[in-house]
Amino acid sequence: MQLSDFNYDLPTQLIAQHPLANRTDSRLLEVKADGSNATQLIDRQFLDILNLVNPGDLLVFNDTKVIPARLHGKKETGGNVELLIERITGDKQAWVQIRASKVPKTGSIVHIHNRAGETFPVEMIGYDGRFYEVRFPENIFSLLEHFGELPLPPYIEHQPNQEDANRYQTVLAKNPGAVAAPTAGLHFDQLILNQLQELGVKQASVTLHVGAGTFTPVREEDLSKHKMHYEWFSIPAETITAIEATHQAGGRVIAVGTTSLRALESQAQTQKNSGETNLFITPGYTFKTVDCLLTNFHLPKSTLLMLVSAFAGVDNIRNAYQHAIHNAYRFFSYGDAMFLSRSTNTHS
């Protein structure tokens, strides 16, 4: 398939700029992909997920925590620089995206500052053709807490505020390292998690630190030429055990978000419970672990739109997105959700 197969026109007013009053207030579009020619689309509220899951099912959440990954500084020549952490690779090293009139050279220093007037130096140490490798003078996480800014997605137009500090983070977030939220998890509050547990729906977690590359559009018309960005993942042994037990008992593994799905499918592909993954899922991929997917609506021409098309069927997803636009669903990070069943025919 080609890149143009995953484009669509979205009215800008449907891009959600702020979260709703409560996490569970979102709408939920159920997409039944059963291999038939007609896509079954059912408009629901998010709380209806209590009726879409069964006792014995397993919900798998991404417990990554968004870090204040955007930094502002100046080059030694005085020019302004913005750094956005892509992924952290060590106590003092990270790959970053850089925005500047002229990118600093390898070996040069960028002086990061905060509003209090404090500064620290970052050394430019490498470039891989897409991202820049930098070295911090001390532990990255401690410096980000004092100098970093919450990295809201590029389509959210306001400056991050206290509402974002709370709501652009899932209630299960505990392992810092993501520069974008696993947005499907944003719909859950503690009350609905408790209700799901009371219904006999089990819960497990994975960690996948979402990178800024998740917002990078695919530019190659030939998808086989696209270089997927790397993200670090880890899956606890108890999650692997829970997945095996769920399938043996006839239950479904439901990934909460594309990031949870990528972690699970990466483990199934490599048989490694942790590491970096650049798994690129497009139509034709054979899913090994996940039976259902809860996900938000994704950007045109994005790898995530390709992933959900692979999972639920290309035409099913096209119909679902047309339906969502026609019915004014809210799109992207703070938007509404879809509940997808795995299609037996991903090209239907």
Protein backbone atom coordinates (compact mmCIF):
# COMPACT_ATOMS: atom_id res chain seq x y z
CA MET A 1 0.00 0.00 0.00
CA GLN A 2 1.01 3.60 -0.56
CA LEU A 3 1.17 6.62 1.74
CA SER A 4 -1.74 8.26 -0.06
CA ASP A 5 -3.97 5.38 1.04
CA PHE A 6 -3.78 6.75 4.59
CA ASN A 7 -4.69 10.37 4.01
CA TYR A 8 -7.94 12.08 4.99
CA ASP A 9 -9.24 15.64 5.37
CA LEU A 10 -9.96 16.72 8.93
CA PRO A 11 -11.73 20.00 9.79
CA THR A 12 -9.45 21.82 12.23
CA GLN A 13 -12.33 22.45 14.65
CA LEU A 14 -12.44 18.70 15.37
CA ILE A 15 -8.91 18.71 16.83
CA ALA A 16 -9.47 18.65 20.60
CA GLN A 17 -7.50 21.46 22.24
CA HIS A 18 -8.47 20.73 25.84
CA PRO A 19 -9.61 17.68 27.82
CA LEU A 20 -13.26 17.32 28.78
CA ALA A 21 -14.32 17.98 32.38
CA ASN A 22 -13.97 14.32 33.37
CA ARG A 23 -11.71 11.64 31.90
CA THR A 24 -14.64 9.33 31.15
CA ASP A 25 -16.76 11.98 29.40
CA SER A 26 -15.45 11.10 25.94
CA ARG A 27 -17.42 9.41 23.22
CA LEU A 28 -16.53 5.90 22.07
CA LEU A 29 -16.99 4.56 18.54
CA GLU A 30 -17.29 0.79 18.44
CA VAL A 31 -15.98 -0.62 15.16
CA LYS A 32 -16.98 -4.21 14.53
CA ALA A 33 -14.57 -5.68 12.01
CA ASP A 34 -15.89 -9.16 11.40
CA GLY A 35 -14.67 -9.68 7.85
CA SER A 36 -18.01 -8.82 6.24
CA ASN A 37 -18.33 -6.12 3.61
CA ALA A 38 -20.39 -3.82 5.85
CA THR A 39 -18.58 -2.06 8.70
CA GLN A 40 -20.66 -2.03 11.88
CA LEU A 41 -20.25 1.33 13.62
CA ILE A 42 -21.94 1.98 16.95
CA ASP A 43 -21.87 5.39 18.65
CA ARG A 44 -21.33 5.05 22.38
CA GLN A 45 -20.06 6.92 25.43
CA PHE A 46 -16.77 5.88 26.97
CA LEU A 47 -18.48 4.46 30.05
CA ASP A 48 -20.05 1.88 27.72
CA ILE A 49 -16.71 0.10 27.76
CA LEU A 50 -18.13 -1.61 30.83
CA ASN A 51 -20.50 -3.38 28.42
CA LEU A 52 -17.88 -4.15 25.77
CA VAL A 53 -15.53 -6.17 27.94
CA ASN A 54 -16.16 -9.59 29.45
CA PRO A 55 -15.14 -11.26 32.70
CA GLY A 56 -11.80 -12.92 32.05
CA ASP A 57 -10.65 -10.34 29.51
CA LEU A 58 -7.29 -8.66 30.13
CA LEU A 59 -6.76 -4.91 29.70
CA VAL A 60 -3.10 -4.04 29.10
CA PHE A 61 -2.12 -0.44 29.94
CA ASN A 62 1.04 1.49 29.18
CA ASP A 63 2.29 2.83 32.54
CA THR A 64 4.84 5.25 31.07
CA LYS A 65 4.97 8.75 32.54
CA VAL A 66 5.33 11.89 30.42
CA ILE A 67 8.42 13.89 31.31
CA PRO A 68 8.91 17.67 30.91
CA ALA A 69 10.90 17.03 27.76
CA ARG A 70 10.97 20.44 26.05
CA LEU A 71 14.02 22.61 26.80
CA HIS A 72 14.90 26.17 25.79
CA GLY A 73 18.42 27.49 25.47
CA LYS A 74 20.96 29.48 23.52
CA LYS A 75 23.92 28.55 21.37
CA GLU A 76 27.34 29.90 22.24
CA THR A 77 26.81 32.40 19.42
CA GLY A 78 23.62 33.63 21.11
CA GLY A 79 21.00 32.11 18.85
CA ASN A 80 17.87 30.58 20.38
CA VAL A 81 17.54 26.78 20.46
CA GLU A 82 14.68 24.47 21.41
CA LEU A 83 15.43 20.85 22.31
CA LEU A 84 12.78 18.16 22.48
CA ILE A 85 13.86 14.85 24.01
CA GLU A 86 13.22 11.97 21.60
CA ARG A 87 14.42 9.18 23.86
CA ILE A 88 16.75 8.87 26.82
CA THR A 89 19.57 6.37 26.32
CA GLY A 90 21.53 6.76 29.56
CA ASP A 91 21.81 8.63 32.82
CA LYS A 92 23.29 11.63 31.00
CA GLN A 93 22.61 10.99 27.30
CA ALA A 94 19.62 11.38 25.02
CA TRP A 95 18.56 11.76 21.41
CA VAL A 96 16.71 15.02 20.74
CA GLN A 97 14.95 16.99 18.05
CA ILE A 98 16.31 20.51 17.63
CA ARG A 99 14.61 23.65 16.43
CA ALA A 100 16.98 26.52 15.61
CA SER A 101 17.74 28.92 12.76
CA LYS A 102 21.02 27.03 12.39
CA VAL A 103 21.56 23.72 14.18
CA PRO A 104 24.53 23.67 16.60
CA LYS A 105 27.55 21.72 15.37
CA THR A 106 28.80 18.48 16.93
CA GLY A 107 31.15 19.35 19.79
CA SER A 108 29.49 22.68 20.53
CA ILE A 109 27.64 23.62 23.72
CA VAL A 110 24.04 24.74 24.16
CA HIS A 111 23.22 26.62 27.35
CA ILE A 112 19.79 25.58 28.66
CA HIS A 113 17.94 28.10 30.82
CA ASN A 114 14.73 28.35 32.84
CA ARG A 115 12.54 31.24 33.94
CA ALA A 116 14.47 31.60 37.17
CA GLY A 117 17.57 32.48 35.17
CA GLU A 118 19.40 29.25 36.03
CA THR A 119 21.45 27.57 33.29
CA PHE A 120 23.34 24.37 32.52
CA PRO A 121 25.40 23.24 29.48
CA VAL A 122 24.43 20.48 27.05
CA GLU A 123 27.09 19.11 24.70
CA MET A 124 26.25 18.14 21.12
CA ILE A 125 27.91 14.77 20.53
CA GLY A 126 26.32 13.18 17.46
CA TYR A 127 23.75 13.12 14.64
CA ASP A 128 22.09 10.10 13.01
CA GLY A 129 20.45 11.88 10.10
CA ARG A 130 17.21 12.50 12.00
CA PHE A 131 17.99 13.18 15.66
CA TYR A 132 20.85 14.76 17.58
CA GLU A 133 22.67 13.03 20.41
CA VAL A 134 23.43 15.23 23.42
CA ARG A 135 25.22 14.81 26.75
CA PHE A 136 23.91 16.35 29.97
CA PRO A 137 26.23 17.30 32.86
CA GLU A 138 24.23 15.29 35.40
CA ASN A 139 21.15 13.06 35.71
CA ILE A 140 18.70 13.98 32.94
CA PHE A 141 15.52 13.45 34.94
CA SER A 142 16.58 15.79 37.75
CA LEU A 143 17.53 18.51 35.26
CA LEU A 144 14.27 18.15 33.35
CA GLU A 145 12.28 18.65 36.56
CA HIS A 146 13.89 22.08 37.02
CA PHE A 147 14.28 23.19 33.41
CA GLY A 148 11.83 21.22 31.27
CA GLU A 149 8.40 22.05 29.92
CA LEU A 150 5.54 19.61 29.27
CA PRO A 151 5.78 18.67 25.57
CA LEU A 152 2.22 19.07 24.31
CA PRO A 153 1.70 17.75 20.76
CA PRO A 154 2.24 20.21 17.88
CA TYR A 155 -1.48 20.36 17.06
CA ILE A 156 -2.40 21.66 20.54
CA GLU A 157 -2.08 25.40 20.23
CA HIS A 158 -1.97 26.67 23.83
CA GLN A 159 1.00 26.77 26.17
CA PRO A 160 1.00 23.93 28.73
CA ASN A 161 -0.78 24.83 31.96
CA GLN A 162 -1.73 23.17 35.22
CA GLU A 163 -4.71 21.41 33.62
CA ASP A 164 -2.34 19.81 31.10
CA ALA A 165 0.10 18.83 33.86
CA ASN A 166 -2.69 16.72 35.34
CA ARG A 167 -4.67 15.56 32.33
CA TYR A 168 -1.87 14.87 29.83
CA GLN A 169 -0.88 12.01 32.12
CA THR A 170 -2.72 8.75 32.77
CA VAL A 171 -3.78 7.83 36.30
CA LEU A 172 -1.54 4.74 36.00
CA ALA A 173 1.60 6.68 34.97
CA LYS A 174 4.59 5.67 37.07
CA ASN A 175 7.69 5.05 34.89
CA PRO A 176 9.10 8.37 33.58
CA GLY A 177 10.47 8.49 30.06
CA ALA A 178 7.70 9.35 27.54
CA VAL A 179 7.58 12.62 25.64
CA ALA A 180 3.98 12.03 24.55
CA ALA A 181 1.10 10.52 26.50
CA PRO A 182 -0.30 7.06 25.73
CA THR A 183 -3.56 8.79 24.94
CA ALA A 184 -6.01 5.87 25.04
CA GLY A 185 -5.21 5.56 28.74
CA LEU A 186 -6.27 9.17 29.37
CA HIS A 187 -9.94 8.10 29.32
CA PHE A 188 -9.66 6.01 32.49
CA ASP A 189 -10.09 7.28 36.03
CA GLN A 190 -9.70 5.25 39.20
CA LEU A 191 -13.46 4.72 39.53
CA ILE A 192 -13.85 3.01 36.17
CA LEU A 193 -10.71 0.94 36.80
CA ASN A 194 -12.33 -0.28 40.02
CA GLN A 195 -15.61 -1.04 38.22
CA LEU A 196 -13.78 -3.05 35.56
CA GLN A 197 -12.01 -5.04 38.24
CA GLU A 198 -15.32 -5.76 39.97
CA LEU A 199 -16.66 -7.09 36.66
CA GLY A 200 -13.85 -9.65 36.58
CA VAL A 201 -11.79 -7.84 33.93
CA LYS A 202 -8.11 -8.23 34.69
CA GLN A 203 -5.48 -5.52 34.31
CA ALA A 204 -1.80 -5.68 33.42
CA SER A 205 0.83 -3.19 32.37
CA VAL A 206 3.68 -2.67 29.96
CA THR A 207 6.03 0.28 29.63
CA LEU A 208 6.72 1.90 26.28
CA HIS A 209 8.28 5.35 26.38
CA VAL A 210 6.48 7.18 23.59
CA GLY A 211 8.95 9.19 21.50
CA ALA A 212 8.45 12.49 19.69
CA GLY A 213 8.83 10.51 16.48
CA THR A 214 5.24 9.35 16.96
CA PHE A 215 4.18 12.74 15.52
CA THR A 216 6.62 12.61 12.61
CA PRO A 217 4.68 12.23 9.35
CA VAL A 218 5.63 9.53 6.90
CA ARG A 219 7.16 11.18 3.83
CA GLU A 220 7.90 8.15 1.64
CA GLU A 221 5.07 7.25 -0.73
CA ASP A 222 6.52 3.72 -0.77
CA LEU A 223 5.95 2.61 2.84
CA SER A 224 8.72 0.02 2.64
CA LYS A 225 11.22 2.91 2.52
CA HIS A 226 10.04 4.55 5.74
CA LYS A 227 12.48 4.44 8.67
CA MET A 228 10.51 3.87 11.85
CA HIS A 229 11.70 5.67 14.99
CA TYR A 230 12.90 3.64 17.99
CA GLU A 231 11.09 3.51 21.34
CA TRP A 232 12.13 1.69 24.51
CA PHE A 233 9.75 -0.92 25.96
CA SER A 234 9.62 -3.32 28.89
CA ILE A 235 7.10 -6.03 29.73
CA PRO A 236 7.00 -7.54 33.24
CA ALA A 237 7.04 -11.32 33.50
CA GLU A 238 3.68 -11.23 35.28
CA THR A 239 2.13 -9.52 32.25
CA ILE A 240 3.40 -12.30 29.96
CA THR A 241 1.93 -14.86 32.39
CA ALA A 242 -1.40 -13.00 32.49
CA ILE A 243 -1.61 -12.93 28.68
CA GLU A 244 -0.97 -16.66 28.40
CA ALA A 245 -3.53 -17.42 31.12
CA THR A 246 -6.13 -15.16 29.46
CA HIS A 247 -5.81 -16.85 26.09
CA GLN A 248 -5.82 -20.32 27.61
CA ALA A 249 -9.06 -19.49 29.42
CA GLY A 250 -10.68 -18.12 26.25
CA GLY A 251 -10.47 -14.46 27.23
CA ARG A 252 -9.37 -11.54 25.08
CA VAL A 253 -6.22 -9.45 25.39
CA ILE A 254 -7.27 -5.83 24.94
CA ALA A 255 -4.48 -3.34 24.34
CA VAL A 256 -5.20 0.10 25.75
CA GLY A 257 -3.56 2.18 23.05
CA THR A 258 -1.27 1.60 20.09
CA THR A 259 1.76 1.90 22.37
CA SER A 260 0.67 -1.05 24.48
CA LEU A 261 -0.01 -2.99 21.28
CA ARG A 262 3.44 -2.20 19.83
CA ALA A 263 5.12 -3.32 23.05
CA LEU A 264 3.19 -6.59 23.12
CA GLU A 265 3.73 -7.35 19.44
CA SER A 266 7.42 -6.41 19.72
CA GLN A 267 7.83 -8.93 22.52
CA ALA A 268 6.00 -11.57 20.49
CA GLN A 269 8.26 -10.90 17.49
CA THR A 270 11.58 -10.87 19.33
CA GLN A 271 10.84 -12.97 22.43
CA LYS A 272 12.63 -10.21 24.37
CA ASN A 273 10.84 -8.64 27.32
CA SER A 274 12.64 -5.32 26.99
CA GLY A 275 14.70 -3.28 24.58
CA GLU A 276 14.27 -0.78 21.79
CA THR A 277 11.66 -1.40 19.12
CA ASN A 278 11.11 0.12 15.70
CA LEU A 279 8.32 -2.28 14.76
CA PHE A 280 6.38 -0.77 11.85
CA ILE A 281 2.92 -2.34 11.56
CA THR A 282 1.14 -1.96 8.23
CA PRO A 283 -1.72 -3.87 6.58
CA GLY A 284 -0.74 -7.48 6.05
CA TYR A 285 0.89 -7.80 9.47
CA THR A 286 -0.10 -10.92 11.42
CA PHE A 287 -0.97 -10.04 15.01
CA LYS A 288 0.28 -12.53 17.57
CA THR A 289 -0.97 -11.27 20.94
CA VAL A 290 -3.69 -8.60 20.83
CA ASP A 291 -7.36 -9.37 20.18
CA CYS A 292 -8.98 -5.94 20.69
CA LEU A 293 -7.66 -2.39 20.71
CA LEU A 294 -8.86 0.76 22.44
CA THR A 295 -7.39 3.78 20.68
CA ASN A 296 -7.89 7.44 19.87
CA PHE A 297 -8.17 8.89 16.36
CA HIS A 298 -4.81 9.41 14.67
CA LEU A 299 -3.13 11.89 12.33
CA PRO A 300 -3.40 11.53 8.54
CA LYS A 301 -0.47 9.71 6.93
CA SER A 302 0.78 8.58 10.35
CA THR A 303 2.26 5.23 11.29
CA LEU A 304 -0.46 4.91 13.94
CA LEU A 305 -3.22 5.22 11.34
CA MET A 306 -1.47 2.47 9.39
CA LEU A 307 -1.32 0.33 12.53
CA VAL A 308 -5.05 0.58 13.30
CA SER A 309 -5.82 -0.07 9.62
CA ALA A 310 -3.72 -3.22 9.83
CA PHE A 311 -5.59 -4.25 12.96
CA ALA A 312 -9.22 -3.55 12.06
CA GLY A 313 -9.12 -3.49 8.27
CA VAL A 314 -8.31 -0.65 5.89
CA ASP A 315 -11.86 -0.06 4.66
CA ASN A 316 -13.30 -0.48 8.16
CA ILE A 317 -11.03 2.28 9.44
CA ARG A 318 -11.77 4.54 6.46
CA ASN A 319 -15.49 4.15 7.11
CA ALA A 320 -15.00 4.74 10.84
CA TYR A 321 -13.04 7.96 10.28
CA GLN A 322 -15.59 9.27 7.76
CA HIS A 323 -18.33 8.49 10.28
CA ALA A 324 -16.41 10.18 13.09
CA ILE A 325 -15.84 13.34 11.06
CA HIS A 326 -19.47 13.46 9.92
CA ASN A 327 -20.63 13.07 13.53
CA ALA A 328 -18.14 15.62 14.93
CA TYR A 329 -16.07 13.30 17.09
CA ARG A 330 -13.10 14.96 18.80
CA PHE A 331 -9.72 13.95 17.36
CA PHE A 332 -6.19 13.24 18.61
CA SER A 333 -4.69 13.32 22.12
CA TYR A 334 -7.53 14.97 24.04
CA GLY A 335 -10.16 13.53 21.72
CA ASP A 336 -12.58 10.60 21.67
CA ALA A 337 -11.83 6.89 21.39
CA MET A 338 -12.53 3.82 19.28
CA PHE A 339 -12.96 0.20 20.35
CA LEU A 340 -11.65 -2.12 17.63
CA SER A 341 -11.89 -5.85 17.19
CA ARG A 342 -9.15 -7.54 15.19
CA SER A 343 -10.23 -8.13 11.62
CA THR A 344 -9.78 -11.54 10.04
CA ASN A 345 -9.27 -9.76 6.73
CA THR A 346 -7.14 -6.62 7.14
CA HIS A 347 -7.75 -5.53 3.54
CA SER A 348 -11.55 -5.63 3.86
